[in-house]
């Protein structure tokens, strides 16, 4: 089981701030594919992956990163500096 966190507009589109997910995915991209296959709300949230960032156990990662040993996956929009 992996704890999946959603922030900002991703949380709004999916409707929950977090959930525990049983996954067979080997990478973040595979997890996203599994989520999209669940329901349309996930498909809407992940429609444009260029506008989504991911962190694995609070470390920034990319969508090809492996999930082996990961306890937490967080999805959020890009941060803007200022």
C-alpha atoms as a PDB file:
ATOM      1  CA  UNK A   1       0.000   0.000   0.000  1.00  0.00           C
ATOM      2  CA  UNK A   2       1.163   3.480  -0.861  1.00  0.00           C
ATOM      3  CA  UNK A   3      -0.148   6.708   0.654  1.00  0.00           C
ATOM      4  CA  UNK A   4      -1.027   9.058  -2.221  1.00  0.00           C
ATOM      5  CA  UNK A   5      -1.408  12.784  -1.500  1.00  0.00           C
ATOM      6  CA  UNK A   6      -3.035  15.353  -3.777  1.00  0.00           C
ATOM      7  CA  UNK A   7      -2.493  19.103  -3.481  1.00  0.00           C
ATOM      8  CA  UNK A   8      -4.147  22.252  -4.858  1.00  0.00           C
ATOM      9  CA  UNK A   9      -6.288  21.763  -7.986  1.00  0.00           C
ATOM     10  CA  UNK A  10      -5.421  18.047  -8.138  1.00  0.00           C
ATOM     11  CA  UNK A  11      -7.126  17.609  -4.745  1.00  0.00           C
ATOM     12  CA  UNK A  12     -10.107  19.620  -5.975  1.00  0.00           C
ATOM     13  CA  UNK A  13     -10.524  17.518  -9.136  1.00  0.00           C
ATOM     14  CA  UNK A  14     -10.067  14.167  -7.410  1.00  0.00           C
ATOM     15  CA  UNK A  15     -12.116  15.140  -4.371  1.00  0.00           C
ATOM     16  CA  UNK A  16      -9.865  13.812  -1.607  1.00  0.00           C
ATOM     17  CA  UNK A  17      -6.620  15.096  -0.071  1.00  0.00           C
ATOM     18  CA  UNK A  18      -5.125  11.605   0.344  1.00  0.00           C
ATOM     19  CA  UNK A  19      -5.822   7.927  -0.038  1.00  0.00           C
ATOM     20  CA  UNK A  20      -4.129   4.593   0.455  1.00  0.00           C
ATOM     21  CA  UNK A  21      -3.659   2.824  -2.858  1.00  0.00           C
ATOM     22  CA  UNK A  22      -2.916  -0.814  -3.592  1.00  0.00           C
ATOM     23  CA  UNK A  23      -0.781  -0.787  -6.730  1.00  0.00           C
ATOM     24  CA  UNK A  24       1.131  -3.162  -8.966  1.00  0.00           C
ATOM     25  CA  UNK A  25       2.828  -0.241 -10.727  1.00  0.00           C
ATOM     26  CA  UNK A  26       6.602  -0.225 -10.897  1.00  0.00           C
ATOM     27  CA  UNK A  27       6.933   3.501 -11.659  1.00  0.00           C
ATOM     28  CA  UNK A  28       5.083   6.731 -10.940  1.00  0.00           C
ATOM     29  CA  UNK A  29       3.843   6.722 -14.547  1.00  0.00           C
ATOM     30  CA  UNK A  30       2.387   3.258 -14.007  1.00  0.00           C
ATOM     31  CA  UNK A  31       0.624   4.440 -10.856  1.00  0.00           C
ATOM     32  CA  UNK A  32      -0.860   7.374 -12.755  1.00  0.00           C
ATOM     33  CA  UNK A  33      -2.118   4.976 -15.461  1.00  0.00           C
ATOM     34  CA  UNK A  34      -3.790   2.829 -12.787  1.00  0.00           C
ATOM     35  CA  UNK A  35      -5.420   5.874 -11.201  1.00  0.00           C
ATOM     36  CA  UNK A  36      -6.665   7.182 -14.564  1.00  0.00           C
ATOM     37  CA  UNK A  37      -8.238   3.783 -15.268  1.00  0.00           C
ATOM     38  CA  UNK A  38     -10.221   4.000 -12.005  1.00  0.00           C
ATOM     39  CA  UNK A  39     -12.535   6.933 -12.685  1.00  0.00           C
ATOM     40  CA  UNK A  40     -12.944   9.982 -14.863  1.00  0.00           C
ATOM     41  CA  UNK A  41     -12.034  12.365 -12.034  1.00  0.00           C
ATOM     42  CA  UNK A  42      -8.488  10.949 -12.064  1.00  0.00           C
ATOM     43  CA  UNK A  43      -8.327  11.234 -15.844  1.00  0.00           C
ATOM     44  CA  UNK A  44      -9.279  14.913 -15.528  1.00  0.00           C
ATOM     45  CA  UNK A  45      -6.709  15.544 -12.807  1.00  0.00           C
ATOM     46  CA  UNK A  46      -3.878  13.879 -14.746  1.00  0.00           C
ATOM     47  CA  UNK A  47      -4.894  15.033 -18.242  1.00  0.00           C
ATOM     48  CA  UNK A  48      -1.818  17.270 -18.575  1.00  0.00           C
ATOM     49  CA  UNK A  49       1.168  15.678 -16.846  1.00  0.00           C
ATOM     50  CA  UNK A  50       3.359  18.616 -17.887  1.00  0.00           C
ATOM     51  CA  UNK A  51       1.494  20.617 -15.227  1.00  0.00           C
ATOM     52  CA  UNK A  52       1.953  18.022 -12.463  1.00  0.00           C
ATOM     53  CA  UNK A  53       4.967  17.476 -10.234  1.00  0.00           C
ATOM     54  CA  UNK A  54       5.606  14.447  -8.027  1.00  0.00           C
ATOM     55  CA  UNK A  55       7.516  13.743  -4.828  1.00  0.00           C
ATOM     56  CA  UNK A  56       8.361  10.294  -3.477  1.00  0.00           C
ATOM     57  CA  UNK A  57       8.770  10.199   0.296  1.00  0.00           C
ATOM     58  CA  UNK A  58       9.089  14.017   0.185  1.00  0.00           C
ATOM     59  CA  UNK A  59      11.839  14.041  -2.455  1.00  0.00           C
ATOM     60  CA  UNK A  60      11.147  15.497  -5.905  1.00  0.00           C
ATOM     61  CA  UNK A  61      11.097  12.814  -8.575  1.00  0.00           C
ATOM     62  CA  UNK A  62       9.996  12.264 -12.163  1.00  0.00           C
ATOM     63  CA  UNK A  63       7.300  10.060 -13.618  1.00  0.00           C
ATOM     64  CA  UNK A  64       9.786   7.322 -14.562  1.00  0.00           C
ATOM     65  CA  UNK A  65      11.002   6.967 -10.970  1.00  0.00           C
ATOM     66  CA  UNK A  66      10.591   3.488  -9.459  1.00  0.00           C
ATOM     67  CA  UNK A  67       8.077   2.919  -6.662  1.00  0.00           C
ATOM     68  CA  UNK A  68       9.978   0.078  -4.984  1.00  0.00           C
ATOM     69  CA  UNK A  69      10.188   0.847  -1.255  1.00  0.00           C
ATOM     70  CA  UNK A  70       8.240   4.107  -1.561  1.00  0.00           C
ATOM     71  CA  UNK A  71       5.687   4.783   1.181  1.00  0.00           C
ATOM     72  CA  UNK A  72       4.292   8.144   0.026  1.00  0.00           C
ATOM     73  CA  UNK A  73       3.625   9.693  -3.384  1.00  0.00           C
ATOM     74  CA  UNK A  74       2.562  13.346  -3.550  1.00  0.00           C
ATOM     75  CA  UNK A  75       1.155  15.032  -6.660  1.00  0.00           C
ATOM     76  CA  UNK A  76       1.064  18.829  -6.895  1.00  0.00           C
ATOM     77  CA  UNK A  77       1.208  21.666  -9.429  1.00  0.00           C
ATOM     78  CA  UNK A  78       4.541  23.363 -10.208  1.00  0.00           C
ATOM     79  CA  UNK A  79       5.577  25.908  -7.617  1.00  0.00           C
ATOM     80  CA  UNK A  80       6.177  29.477  -8.656  1.00  0.00           C
ATOM     81  CA  UNK A  81       8.910  31.530  -7.062  1.00  0.00           C
ATOM     82  CA  UNK A  82       8.871  35.146  -6.187  1.00  0.00           C
END
